[in-house]
Amino acid sequence: MDKKWILLLVLSSLLVSCSEFNTVLKSTDYEYKYKKGIEYFEAGDYTHATTLFQDLVYAFRGTSKGDDLFDYYARSCYAQQDYVLAGHYFNSICEQYPRSEFAENAKFMVGMCYFKDSPNPRLDQEISMKAIDAFQLFINMYPYSKKVEEANVLIDELNEKIVYKSYLSAKLYFDMEYYKAAVIALDNSLNDYPSTKYREELKYLLFKSKYFLAINSVESKKRERMNNARDEYFIFVDEFPESKYAKEVKRDFKQISSFLGLEDKELSSIN
């Protein structure tokens, strides 16, 4: 068949489709419009389905079909990656129809919408924390659900992202040579996530930050900060005696000891 005829057939089909949709959209028969919305949804035409479902929200609110409509509407939005609106209507099911057959899945999907919107670890992780809270609430409400295991896996993934964000933020101060701020950020990260897989590096960076802060201090603060760095050294080598940073921290410790005028006996104990 000639390409021109194929193009004409496609255009004709689109025009008929648009005309049909406009007729449905203008209809005041809500049941008919709802039925057509489901047809569009099942055909994978989420754009048209969403438009129709949106038009029916207030008409069906509080009725026996309200939860059904919200479920279709939320899933249509989710399929189009509009996770904010999808989350809103999944949550509406939970709040307005708590005993609905859709409530359990809706509660899980609230967490999924936050999860899908969770940003790169380098960005603010407030949405990730909301996702964790949503999944945890789902687990608490439906402890025997088949989706509990998946929710726990997703919580672990989100926690890892938040821990990584904390690590990156703390390390950034060190890389920028803001050692006073680095000490605070590194301490906070270690206190918030004591079992982090970045613990050795964070402890190393904490020692180095205290060391550089001491080295670059005014004379009136230098001895106090050298003592702080010295204490951090002992904490580090006690926890990580075989660390890959051992040579470097040992070298720095010798300078600290030299400044503080420690006895040769203490110096010889680290050789």
Protein backbone atom coordinates (compact mmCIF):
# COMPACT_ATOMS: atom_id res chain seq x y z
CA MET A 1 0.00 0.00 0.00
CA ASP A 2 1.22 3.51 -0.86
CA LYS A 3 2.78 5.36 2.09
CA LYS A 4 0.49 8.31 1.41
CA TRP A 5 -2.59 6.15 1.90
CA ILE A 6 -1.18 4.65 5.09
CA LEU A 7 -0.60 8.15 6.46
CA LEU A 8 -4.15 9.18 5.53
CA LEU A 9 -5.57 6.11 7.26
CA VAL A 10 -3.56 6.85 10.43
CA LEU A 11 -4.69 10.48 10.45
CA SER A 12 -8.30 9.47 9.85
CA SER A 13 -8.09 6.99 12.74
CA LEU A 14 -6.68 9.67 15.03
CA LEU A 15 -9.41 12.13 14.07
CA VAL A 16 -12.11 9.54 14.75
CA SER A 17 -10.48 8.69 18.07
CA CYS A 18 -10.25 12.34 19.11
CA SER A 19 -13.84 12.94 18.07
CA GLU A 20 -15.00 9.92 20.07
CA PHE A 21 -13.06 11.04 23.16
CA ASN A 22 -14.45 14.58 22.97
CA THR A 23 -17.94 13.14 22.83
CA VAL A 24 -17.24 11.05 25.93
CA LEU A 25 -15.66 13.99 27.75
CA LYS A 26 -18.67 16.25 27.11
CA SER A 27 -21.14 13.60 28.21
CA THR A 28 -23.10 14.19 31.41
CA ASP A 29 -23.68 10.45 31.80
CA TYR A 30 -21.20 9.72 34.59
CA GLU A 31 -21.64 5.96 34.43
CA TYR A 32 -20.90 5.98 30.70
CA LYS A 33 -17.89 8.23 31.21
CA TYR A 34 -16.63 5.97 34.01
CA LYS A 35 -17.02 2.87 31.82
CA LYS A 36 -15.09 4.52 28.98
CA GLY A 37 -12.38 5.62 31.41
CA ILE A 38 -11.86 1.99 32.41
CA GLU A 39 -11.71 0.99 28.75
CA TYR A 40 -9.00 3.58 28.08
CA PHE A 41 -7.15 2.44 31.20
CA GLU A 42 -7.21 -1.23 30.21
CA ALA A 43 -6.05 -0.29 26.70
CA GLY A 44 -3.03 1.49 28.20
CA ASP A 45 -4.28 4.94 27.17
CA TYR A 46 -3.61 6.50 30.58
CA THR A 47 -3.75 10.09 29.31
CA HIS A 48 -7.38 9.82 28.22
CA ALA A 49 -8.24 7.64 31.22
CA THR A 50 -6.80 10.18 33.64
CA THR A 51 -8.71 13.03 32.03
CA LEU A 52 -12.00 11.17 32.40
CA PHE A 53 -11.31 9.99 35.95
CA GLN A 54 -10.33 13.51 36.99
CA ASP A 55 -13.67 14.75 35.67
CA LEU A 56 -15.50 12.19 37.84
CA VAL A 57 -13.72 12.72 41.18
CA TYR A 58 -16.31 15.03 42.74
CA ALA A 59 -19.27 13.19 41.20
CA PHE A 60 -18.20 9.87 42.74
CA ARG A 61 -16.80 11.17 46.04
CA GLY A 62 -18.54 9.48 48.96
CA THR A 63 -20.37 6.98 46.77
CA SER A 64 -19.94 3.21 46.71
CA LYS A 65 -17.75 3.58 43.62
CA GLY A 66 -15.56 6.31 45.07
CA ASP A 67 -12.75 4.00 46.15
CA ASP A 68 -12.86 2.17 42.82
CA LEU A 69 -12.58 5.46 40.92
CA PHE A 70 -9.73 6.70 43.15
CA ASP A 71 -7.90 3.44 42.56
CA TYR A 72 -8.16 3.72 38.77
CA TYR A 73 -7.27 7.41 38.88
CA ALA A 74 -4.26 6.83 41.14
CA ARG A 75 -2.97 3.95 39.00
CA SER A 76 -3.41 6.03 35.83
CA CYS A 77 -1.35 8.85 37.35
CA TYR A 78 1.26 6.36 38.57
CA ALA A 79 1.55 4.87 35.07
CA GLN A 80 2.25 8.38 33.77
CA GLN A 81 4.89 8.90 36.47
CA ASP A 82 2.88 11.62 38.17
CA TYR A 83 3.80 10.25 41.58
CA VAL A 84 2.64 13.27 43.58
CA LEU A 85 -0.94 13.09 42.29
CA ALA A 86 -0.94 9.29 42.37
CA GLY A 87 0.20 9.35 46.00
CA HIS A 88 -2.52 11.84 46.85
CA TYR A 89 -5.31 9.59 45.53
CA PHE A 90 -3.85 6.39 46.93
CA ASN A 91 -3.79 8.18 50.28
CA SER A 92 -7.38 9.36 49.72
CA ILE A 93 -8.46 5.72 49.51
CA CYS A 94 -6.78 5.00 52.87
CA GLU A 95 -8.34 8.02 54.56
CA GLN A 96 -11.83 8.03 53.04
CA TYR A 97 -12.31 4.29 52.50
CA PRO A 98 -10.20 2.56 55.20
CA ARG A 99 -12.18 -0.69 54.85
CA SER A 100 -12.01 -0.75 51.06
CA GLU A 101 -10.66 -3.79 49.28
CA PHE A 102 -8.13 -1.37 47.74
CA ALA A 103 -6.91 0.06 51.06
CA GLU A 104 -4.04 -2.37 51.66
CA ASN A 105 -2.53 -1.93 48.21
CA ALA A 106 -3.15 1.82 48.36
CA LYS A 107 -1.21 2.10 51.63
CA PHE A 108 1.73 0.27 50.04
CA MET A 109 1.50 2.44 46.91
CA VAL A 110 1.72 5.64 48.96
CA GLY A 111 5.21 4.46 49.92
CA MET A 112 5.96 3.50 46.32
CA CYS A 113 5.03 6.97 45.08
CA TYR A 114 7.48 8.53 47.53
CA PHE A 115 10.05 5.88 46.60
CA LYS A 116 9.74 6.70 42.89
CA ASP A 117 10.15 10.41 43.65
CA SER A 118 13.17 9.81 45.89
CA PRO A 119 16.04 11.87 44.43
CA ASN A 120 19.72 11.26 43.77
CA PRO A 121 21.69 10.68 47.02
CA ARG A 122 23.49 14.00 46.55
CA LEU A 123 20.18 15.87 46.94
CA ASP A 124 17.96 16.45 49.97
CA GLN A 125 16.49 13.15 51.19
CA GLU A 126 13.29 14.37 52.85
CA ILE A 127 11.17 12.41 50.34
CA SER A 128 13.21 9.27 51.03
CA MET A 129 12.44 9.63 54.73
CA LYS A 130 8.74 10.06 53.92
CA ALA A 131 8.91 6.88 51.86
CA ILE A 132 10.44 4.99 54.80
CA ASP A 133 7.73 6.29 57.14
CA ALA A 134 5.02 5.30 54.64
CA PHE A 135 6.40 1.77 54.18
CA GLN A 136 6.83 1.33 57.92
CA LEU A 137 3.23 2.41 58.48
CA PHE A 138 2.14 -0.12 55.86
CA ILE A 139 4.08 -2.89 57.63
CA ASN A 140 2.57 -1.91 60.99
CA MET A 141 -0.95 -1.90 59.60
CA TYR A 142 -0.64 -5.03 57.45
CA PRO A 143 2.04 -7.21 59.10
CA TYR A 144 0.84 -10.34 57.27
CA SER A 145 0.69 -8.78 53.82
CA LYS A 146 2.54 -10.47 50.97
CA LYS A 147 4.19 -7.12 50.28
CA VAL A 148 5.85 -6.75 53.68
CA GLU A 149 9.06 -8.36 52.45
CA GLU A 150 9.21 -6.01 49.46
CA ALA A 151 8.54 -3.03 51.74
CA ASN A 152 11.45 -4.04 53.99
CA VAL A 153 13.78 -4.38 51.00
CA LEU A 154 12.79 -0.90 49.80
CA ILE A 155 13.27 0.55 53.30
CA ASP A 156 16.83 -0.88 53.34
CA GLU A 157 17.51 0.66 49.93
CA LEU A 158 16.22 4.04 51.06
CA ASN A 159 18.20 3.91 54.31
CA GLU A 160 21.35 3.17 52.33
CA LYS A 161 20.68 6.23 50.18
CA ILE A 162 20.21 8.41 53.27
CA VAL A 163 23.41 7.06 54.85
CA TYR A 164 25.31 7.73 51.62
CA LYS A 165 23.90 11.29 51.54
CA SER A 166 25.13 11.82 55.11
CA TYR A 167 28.57 10.49 54.15
CA LEU A 168 28.78 12.72 51.06
CA SER A 169 27.69 15.82 52.97
CA ALA A 170 30.24 15.26 55.72
CA LYS A 171 33.03 14.49 53.25
CA LEU A 172 32.22 17.63 51.27
CA TYR A 173 33.25 19.87 54.17
CA PHE A 174 36.55 18.00 54.43
CA ASP A 175 37.18 18.26 50.67
CA MET A 176 36.48 22.00 50.83
CA GLU A 177 38.93 22.29 53.75
CA TYR A 178 36.26 23.58 56.14
CA TYR A 179 37.70 21.48 58.93
CA LYS A 180 35.70 22.92 61.83
CA ALA A 181 32.43 22.25 60.00
CA ALA A 182 33.79 18.87 58.88
CA VAL A 183 34.36 17.77 62.48
CA ILE A 184 30.73 18.55 63.35
CA ALA A 185 29.31 16.93 60.19
CA LEU A 186 31.47 13.81 60.52
CA ASP A 187 30.56 13.43 64.20
CA ASN A 188 26.88 13.80 63.36
CA SER A 189 27.06 11.23 60.55
CA LEU A 190 28.79 8.70 62.80
CA ASN A 191 26.33 9.29 65.63
CA ASP A 192 23.32 9.01 63.35
CA TYR A 193 24.58 5.91 61.51
CA PRO A 194 27.11 4.12 63.76
CA SER A 195 27.01 0.91 61.69
CA THR A 196 27.56 2.58 58.33
CA LYS A 197 29.83 0.81 55.86
CA TYR A 198 31.69 4.13 55.52
CA ARG A 199 32.62 4.14 59.20
CA GLU A 200 36.36 3.58 58.74
CA GLU A 201 36.67 6.37 56.20
CA LEU A 202 34.52 8.72 58.27
CA LYS A 203 36.64 8.05 61.37
CA TYR A 204 39.79 8.64 59.32
CA LEU A 205 38.38 11.92 57.97
CA LEU A 206 37.40 12.93 61.50
CA PHE A 207 40.97 12.42 62.70
CA LYS A 208 42.37 14.27 59.68
CA SER A 209 39.92 17.15 60.18
CA LYS A 210 40.94 17.53 63.80
CA TYR A 211 44.59 17.29 62.81
CA PHE A 212 44.36 19.96 60.09
CA LEU A 213 42.21 22.15 62.33
CA ALA A 214 44.94 21.95 65.00
CA ILE A 215 47.81 22.57 62.59
CA ASN A 216 46.13 25.66 61.19
CA SER A 217 44.94 27.07 64.52
CA VAL A 218 46.03 30.26 66.19
CA GLU A 219 48.53 29.63 68.97
CA SER A 220 45.98 30.16 71.75
CA LYS A 221 43.88 27.23 70.49
CA LYS A 222 46.56 24.99 69.03
CA ARG A 223 47.44 22.90 72.12
CA GLU A 224 43.80 22.14 72.94
CA ARG A 225 43.11 21.10 69.35
CA MET A 226 46.29 19.04 69.15
CA ASN A 227 45.11 17.15 72.21
CA ASN A 228 41.76 16.57 70.55
CA ALA A 229 43.49 15.22 67.45
CA ARG A 230 45.73 13.03 69.64
CA ASP A 231 42.69 11.53 71.38
CA GLU A 232 41.03 10.90 68.03
CA TYR A 233 44.13 9.07 66.83
CA PHE A 234 43.96 6.59 69.71
CA ILE A 235 40.24 6.03 69.09
CA PHE A 236 40.91 5.37 65.41
CA VAL A 237 43.82 2.93 65.79
CA ASP A 238 42.01 1.09 68.57
CA GLU A 239 39.01 0.48 66.31
CA PHE A 240 40.93 -0.03 63.06
CA PRO A 241 44.40 -1.38 63.92
CA GLU A 242 44.87 -2.79 60.39
CA SER A 243 43.47 0.20 58.56
CA LYS A 244 44.71 1.13 55.09
CA TYR A 245 45.19 4.62 56.54
CA ALA A 246 47.48 3.36 59.33
CA LYS A 247 50.76 4.74 57.92
CA GLU A 248 49.31 8.16 57.25
CA VAL A 249 47.67 8.62 60.64
CA LYS A 250 50.79 7.34 62.37
CA ARG A 251 52.87 9.95 60.55
CA ASP A 252 50.46 12.71 61.58
CA PHE A 253 50.47 11.45 65.14
CA LYS A 254 54.25 11.84 65.33
CA GLN A 255 53.88 15.53 64.45
CA ILE A 256 51.17 15.92 67.06
CA SER A 257 53.36 14.21 69.65
CA SER A 258 56.31 16.36 68.71
CA PHE A 259 54.28 19.50 69.21
CA LEU A 260 52.90 18.35 72.54
CA GLY A 261 56.38 17.36 73.75
CA LEU A 262 55.49 13.75 74.54
CA GLU A 263 58.09 11.41 75.93
CA ASP A 264 60.21 9.23 73.65
CA LYS A 265 58.66 6.19 75.32
CA GLU A 266 55.22 7.03 73.93
CA LEU A 267 56.68 7.75 70.51
CA SER A 268 58.51 4.43 70.45
CA SER A 269 55.31 2.54 71.22
CA ILE A 270 53.92 3.37 67.80
CA ASN A 271 56.98 2.27 65.78
